[in-house]
Structure formats: structure tokens, C-alpha cells
Amino acid sequence: MNDEELKAKASALREKLDREAREGGYIINPDADMTGFLCEGLVRNIERYGYMACPCRLASGKRAEDLDIICPCDYRDPDLAEHGACFCALYVDSDIASGKKEARSVPERRPDAEQRAAAGGAQKSPSPEKSAPARGAGGMKVWR
């Protein structure tokens, strides 16, 4: 895929993600350069693996092992709740989107490969009974 095709696919993906995010009460980072770069990484991972592995993490290429990092990843909601942005900052809260605060480094929540293997593969999302809901745009509770 040449650069022009990559940029076109990334732009289409960005529009799709933005629409889906708004419908779900989420906000895509308004920094067009950053989201363009992240969407290009997602497009490359779709081409490479056949699924939208997070561009900021090392994917195994085995969908079953990477379920927890398929965008939007299992860690998005706790990252948003605690840090105002997900690990790669594709999704942000309203304070970051409006410029009231800046996105900062988000620590990695994903267990390392050895921990995932010991747990029997990809980590599952916490059950709603065991975790507090994240708040999407407008304060709406969002369970994932």
C-alpha cells in the first residue's frame, strides 16, 4: 500500500471511529496529526494481522492472544477514568479534548506476555460487578 492509499484508509477509519465514539459517549482525540498517525498504525495492523491491534503495543499476530488490545482495547475505560486518555491517547476525556488539561503518559496496564500466558491467554475485561463504570461524554455511564 502506498502512502496515498494509507492516508485515505486512515482518514476513512478516523471518521468511522469518531462517529462510533460519539454514538458510544466517547471522544476521539481532536489532535488531527496524532489521530492520523494512530489511524495509520491501525490500518497497517489491519493489513498485517487482519484486526485492529493497538498501534502502541506489540501484537503477537494471533487474534486470540491479542483480544485485549484490539482497538478499542480492554484498557481504554479504566485509562480514561484514571488518566483522562487511553494508553495511546486515541480516546480522551472532555477536559483533554477541550484543552483544559493536557494528555500525559499513561502507564501500561496490560500484563506482560509471561503473566498473560500464566493466566491462560489474553486478559478478559473485568465484569461490571467488579469494576466501576467509566463516564463517557456528557457523564453517561459506559460499561464495557
C-alpha atoms as a PDB file:
ATOM      1  CA  MET A   1       0.000   0.000   0.000  1.00  0.00           C
ATOM      2  CA  ASN A   2       1.430   3.359  -0.957  1.00  0.00           C
ATOM      3  CA  ASP A   3       1.353   6.485   1.229  1.00  0.00           C
ATOM      4  CA  GLU A   4      -1.653   7.952  -0.555  1.00  0.00           C
ATOM      5  CA  GLU A   5      -3.715   4.777  -0.040  1.00  0.00           C
ATOM      6  CA  LEU A   6      -2.613   4.568   3.592  1.00  0.00           C
ATOM      7  CA  LYS A   7      -3.649   8.164   4.260  1.00  0.00           C
ATOM      8  CA  ALA A   8      -7.027   7.658   2.547  1.00  0.00           C
ATOM      9  CA  LYS A   9      -7.751   4.485   4.532  1.00  0.00           C
ATOM     10  CA  ALA A  10      -6.590   6.134   7.770  1.00  0.00           C
ATOM     11  CA  SER A  11      -8.843   9.132   7.120  1.00  0.00           C
ATOM     12  CA  ALA A  12     -11.855   6.879   6.478  1.00  0.00           C
ATOM     13  CA  LEU A  13     -11.074   4.887   9.625  1.00  0.00           C
ATOM     14  CA  ARG A  14     -10.749   8.086  11.663  1.00  0.00           C
ATOM     15  CA  GLU A  15     -14.205   9.218  10.505  1.00  0.00           C
ATOM     16  CA  LYS A  16     -15.680   5.808  11.382  1.00  0.00           C
ATOM     17  CA  LEU A  17     -14.032   5.751  14.821  1.00  0.00           C
ATOM     18  CA  ASP A  18     -15.137   9.323  15.515  1.00  0.00           C
ATOM     19  CA  ARG A  19     -18.756   8.501  14.616  1.00  0.00           C
ATOM     20  CA  GLU A  20     -18.740   5.321  16.722  1.00  0.00           C
ATOM     21  CA  ALA A  21     -17.078   7.120  19.625  1.00  0.00           C
ATOM     22  CA  ARG A  22     -19.687   9.895  19.644  1.00  0.00           C
ATOM     23  CA  GLU A  23     -22.511   7.322  19.471  1.00  0.00           C
ATOM     24  CA  GLY A  24     -20.986   5.491  22.439  1.00  0.00           C
ATOM     25  CA  GLY A  25     -20.324   8.573  24.567  1.00  0.00           C
ATOM     26  CA  TYR A  26     -16.579   8.743  23.869  1.00  0.00           C
ATOM     27  CA  ILE A  27     -14.311  11.396  22.373  1.00  0.00           C
ATOM     28  CA  ILE A  28     -11.573  10.828  19.813  1.00  0.00           C
ATOM     29  CA  ASN A  29      -8.511  12.987  20.377  1.00  0.00           C
ATOM     30  CA  PRO A  30      -9.059  16.209  18.392  1.00  0.00           C
ATOM     31  CA  ASP A  31      -5.340  16.473  17.548  1.00  0.00           C
ATOM     32  CA  ALA A  32      -5.592  15.610  13.833  1.00  0.00           C
ATOM     33  CA  ASP A  33      -1.878  14.858  13.417  1.00  0.00           C
ATOM     34  CA  MET A  34      -1.865  12.479  16.364  1.00  0.00           C
ATOM     35  CA  THR A  35      -5.065  10.672  15.423  1.00  0.00           C
ATOM     36  CA  GLY A  36      -3.947  10.479  11.803  1.00  0.00           C
ATOM     37  CA  PHE A  37      -0.724   8.798  12.876  1.00  0.00           C
ATOM     38  CA  LEU A  38      -2.607   6.376  15.168  1.00  0.00           C
ATOM     39  CA  CYS A  39      -5.149   5.540  12.469  1.00  0.00           C
ATOM     40  CA  GLU A  40      -2.328   4.851  10.022  1.00  0.00           C
ATOM     41  CA  GLY A  41      -0.939   2.388  12.580  1.00  0.00           C
ATOM     42  CA  LEU A  42      -4.362   0.772  12.960  1.00  0.00           C
ATOM     43  CA  VAL A  43      -4.671   0.451   9.166  1.00  0.00           C
ATOM     44  CA  ARG A  44      -1.211  -1.119   8.970  1.00  0.00           C
ATOM     45  CA  ASN A  45      -2.188  -3.589  11.690  1.00  0.00           C
ATOM     46  CA  ILE A  46      -5.419  -4.463   9.882  1.00  0.00           C
ATOM     47  CA  GLU A  47      -3.353  -5.167   6.761  1.00  0.00           C
ATOM     48  CA  ARG A  48      -0.697  -7.060   8.722  1.00  0.00           C
ATOM     49  CA  TYR A  49      -2.843  -9.088  11.146  1.00  0.00           C
ATOM     50  CA  GLY A  50      -6.412  -8.822   9.910  1.00  0.00           C
ATOM     51  CA  TYR A  51      -7.553  -6.973  13.031  1.00  0.00           C
ATOM     52  CA  MET A  52      -7.170  -3.541  14.592  1.00  0.00           C
ATOM     53  CA  ALA A  53      -4.413  -4.197  17.129  1.00  0.00           C
ATOM     54  CA  CYS A  54      -3.446  -1.132  19.155  1.00  0.00           C
ATOM     55  CA  PRO A  55      -0.646   0.616  17.239  1.00  0.00           C
ATOM     56  CA  CYS A  56       1.139   1.474  20.503  1.00  0.00           C
ATOM     57  CA  ARG A  57       1.531  -2.111  21.677  1.00  0.00           C
ATOM     58  CA  LEU A  58       3.349  -5.136  20.355  1.00  0.00           C
ATOM     59  CA  ALA A  59       0.809  -7.535  18.861  1.00  0.00           C
ATOM     60  CA  SER A  60       1.512 -11.247  18.559  1.00  0.00           C
ATOM     61  CA  GLY A  61      -0.327 -11.645  15.269  1.00  0.00           C
ATOM     62  CA  LYS A  62      -2.560 -14.244  16.911  1.00  0.00           C
ATOM     63  CA  ARG A  63      -6.028 -12.776  17.363  1.00  0.00           C
ATOM     64  CA  ALA A  64      -6.848 -14.964  20.383  1.00  0.00           C
ATOM     65  CA  GLU A  65      -3.744 -13.699  22.191  1.00  0.00           C
ATOM     66  CA  ASP A  66      -4.411 -10.077  21.250  1.00  0.00           C
ATOM     67  CA  LEU A  67      -8.127  -9.790  22.036  1.00  0.00           C
ATOM     68  CA  ASP A  68      -7.387  -7.436  24.911  1.00  0.00           C
ATOM     69  CA  ILE A  69      -5.530  -4.960  22.660  1.00  0.00           C
ATOM     70  CA  ILE A  70      -7.916  -4.845  19.707  1.00  0.00           C
ATOM     71  CA  CYS A  71      -8.995  -1.218  19.461  1.00  0.00           C
ATOM     72  CA  PRO A  72     -10.855  -0.077  21.429  1.00  0.00           C
ATOM     73  CA  CYS A  73      -8.850  -2.147  23.871  1.00  0.00           C
ATOM     74  CA  ASP A  74      -9.946  -3.591  27.198  1.00  0.00           C
ATOM     75  CA  TYR A  75      -7.876  -0.961  28.993  1.00  0.00           C
ATOM     76  CA  ARG A  76      -9.486   2.115  27.412  1.00  0.00           C
ATOM     77  CA  ASP A  77     -12.189   2.672  30.030  1.00  0.00           C
ATOM     78  CA  PRO A  78     -10.012   2.340  33.135  1.00  0.00           C
ATOM     79  CA  ASP A  79      -7.345   4.513  31.466  1.00  0.00           C
ATOM     80  CA  LEU A  80      -9.934   7.187  30.635  1.00  0.00           C
ATOM     81  CA  ALA A  81     -11.353   7.080  34.156  1.00  0.00           C
ATOM     82  CA  GLU A  82      -7.960   7.357  35.833  1.00  0.00           C
ATOM     83  CA  HIS A  83      -5.850   9.370  33.380  1.00  0.00           C
ATOM     84  CA  GLY A  84      -8.284  11.103  31.020  1.00  0.00           C
ATOM     85  CA  ALA A  85      -6.846   9.299  27.989  1.00  0.00           C
ATOM     86  CA  CYS A  86      -6.256   5.763  26.855  1.00  0.00           C
ATOM     87  CA  PHE A  87      -2.714   4.367  26.566  1.00  0.00           C
ATOM     88  CA  CYS A  88      -2.224   5.650  23.006  1.00  0.00           C
ATOM     89  CA  ALA A  89      -4.376   8.780  23.572  1.00  0.00           C
ATOM     90  CA  LEU A  90      -6.736   7.978  20.703  1.00  0.00           C
ATOM     91  CA  TYR A  91      -9.609   8.300  23.180  1.00  0.00           C
ATOM     92  CA  VAL A  92      -9.609  11.251  25.579  1.00  0.00           C
ATOM     93  CA  ASP A  93     -11.951  12.826  28.102  1.00  0.00           C
ATOM     94  CA  SER A  94     -13.688  16.168  27.623  1.00  0.00           C
ATOM     95  CA  ASP A  95     -11.054  18.085  29.626  1.00  0.00           C
ATOM     96  CA  ILE A  96      -8.270  16.950  27.314  1.00  0.00           C
ATOM     97  CA  ALA A  97     -10.413  17.387  24.199  1.00  0.00           C
ATOM     98  CA  SER A  98     -11.267  20.970  25.192  1.00  0.00           C
ATOM     99  CA  GLY A  99      -7.678  21.847  26.111  1.00  0.00           C
ATOM    100  CA  LYS A 100      -8.414  22.315  29.840  1.00  0.00           C
ATOM    101  CA  LYS A 101      -5.705  19.762  30.559  1.00  0.00           C
ATOM    102  CA  GLU A 102      -3.011  18.004  28.565  1.00  0.00           C
ATOM    103  CA  ALA A 103      -2.784  14.295  27.893  1.00  0.00           C
ATOM    104  CA  ARG A 104       0.005  12.751  29.915  1.00  0.00           C
ATOM    105  CA  SER A 105       1.800   9.451  29.783  1.00  0.00           C
ATOM    106  CA  VAL A 106      -0.478   6.558  30.744  1.00  0.00           C
ATOM    107  CA  PRO A 107       1.162   3.558  32.402  1.00  0.00           C
ATOM    108  CA  GLU A 108       0.752   0.213  30.655  1.00  0.00           C
ATOM    109  CA  ARG A 109      -1.994  -1.909  32.238  1.00  0.00           C
ATOM    110  CA  ARG A 110      -1.542  -4.913  30.006  1.00  0.00           C
ATOM    111  CA  PRO A 111       0.164  -7.785  31.796  1.00  0.00           C
ATOM    112  CA  ASP A 112       3.410  -8.897  30.172  1.00  0.00           C
ATOM    113  CA  ALA A 113       3.469 -11.990  27.952  1.00  0.00           C
ATOM    114  CA  GLU A 114       4.570 -14.261  30.787  1.00  0.00           C
ATOM    115  CA  GLN A 115       1.713 -13.090  33.020  1.00  0.00           C
ATOM    116  CA  ARG A 116      -0.811 -13.485  30.171  1.00  0.00           C
ATOM    117  CA  ALA A 117       0.441 -16.997  29.450  1.00  0.00           C
ATOM    118  CA  ALA A 118       0.157 -17.930  33.134  1.00  0.00           C
ATOM    119  CA  ALA A 119      -3.405 -16.608  33.129  1.00  0.00           C
ATOM    120  CA  GLY A 120      -4.254 -18.673  30.054  1.00  0.00           C
ATOM    121  CA  GLY A 121      -4.025 -16.078  27.298  1.00  0.00           C
ATOM    122  CA  ALA A 122      -5.451 -12.619  26.810  1.00  0.00           C
ATOM    123  CA  GLN A 123      -6.900 -10.934  29.839  1.00  0.00           C
ATOM    124  CA  LYS A 124     -10.650 -10.588  29.861  1.00  0.00           C
ATOM    125  CA  SER A 125     -12.370  -7.327  30.662  1.00  0.00           C
ATOM    126  CA  PRO A 126     -13.382  -7.042  34.290  1.00  0.00           C
ATOM    127  CA  SER A 127     -17.004  -7.901  34.896  1.00  0.00           C
ATOM    128  CA  PRO A 128     -19.345  -4.949  35.537  1.00  0.00           C
ATOM    129  CA  GLU A 129     -19.995  -6.240  39.049  1.00  0.00           C
ATOM    130  CA  LYS A 130     -16.318  -5.878  39.923  1.00  0.00           C
ATOM    131  CA  SER A 131     -15.488  -2.548  38.321  1.00  0.00           C
ATOM    132  CA  ALA A 132     -16.863   0.946  38.359  1.00  0.00           C
ATOM    133  CA  PRO A 133     -18.272   2.319  35.110  1.00  0.00           C
ATOM    134  CA  ALA A 134     -16.316   4.779  33.057  1.00  0.00           C
ATOM    135  CA  ARG A 135     -18.053   8.008  32.213  1.00  0.00           C
ATOM    136  CA  GLY A 136     -18.456   8.845  28.555  1.00  0.00           C
ATOM    137  CA  ALA A 137     -19.199  12.270  27.115  1.00  0.00           C
ATOM    138  CA  GLY A 138     -21.978  14.019  28.980  1.00  0.00           C
ATOM    139  CA  GLY A 139     -21.364  11.979  32.128  1.00  0.00           C
ATOM    140  CA  MET A 140     -23.142   8.927  30.740  1.00  0.00           C
ATOM    141  CA  LYS A 141     -22.139   5.664  32.430  1.00  0.00           C
ATOM    142  CA  VAL A 142     -20.464   3.329  29.977  1.00  0.00           C
ATOM    143  CA  TRP A 143     -19.930  -0.338  30.803  1.00  0.00           C
ATOM    144  CA  ARG A 144     -17.523  -2.320  28.671  1.00  0.00           C
END
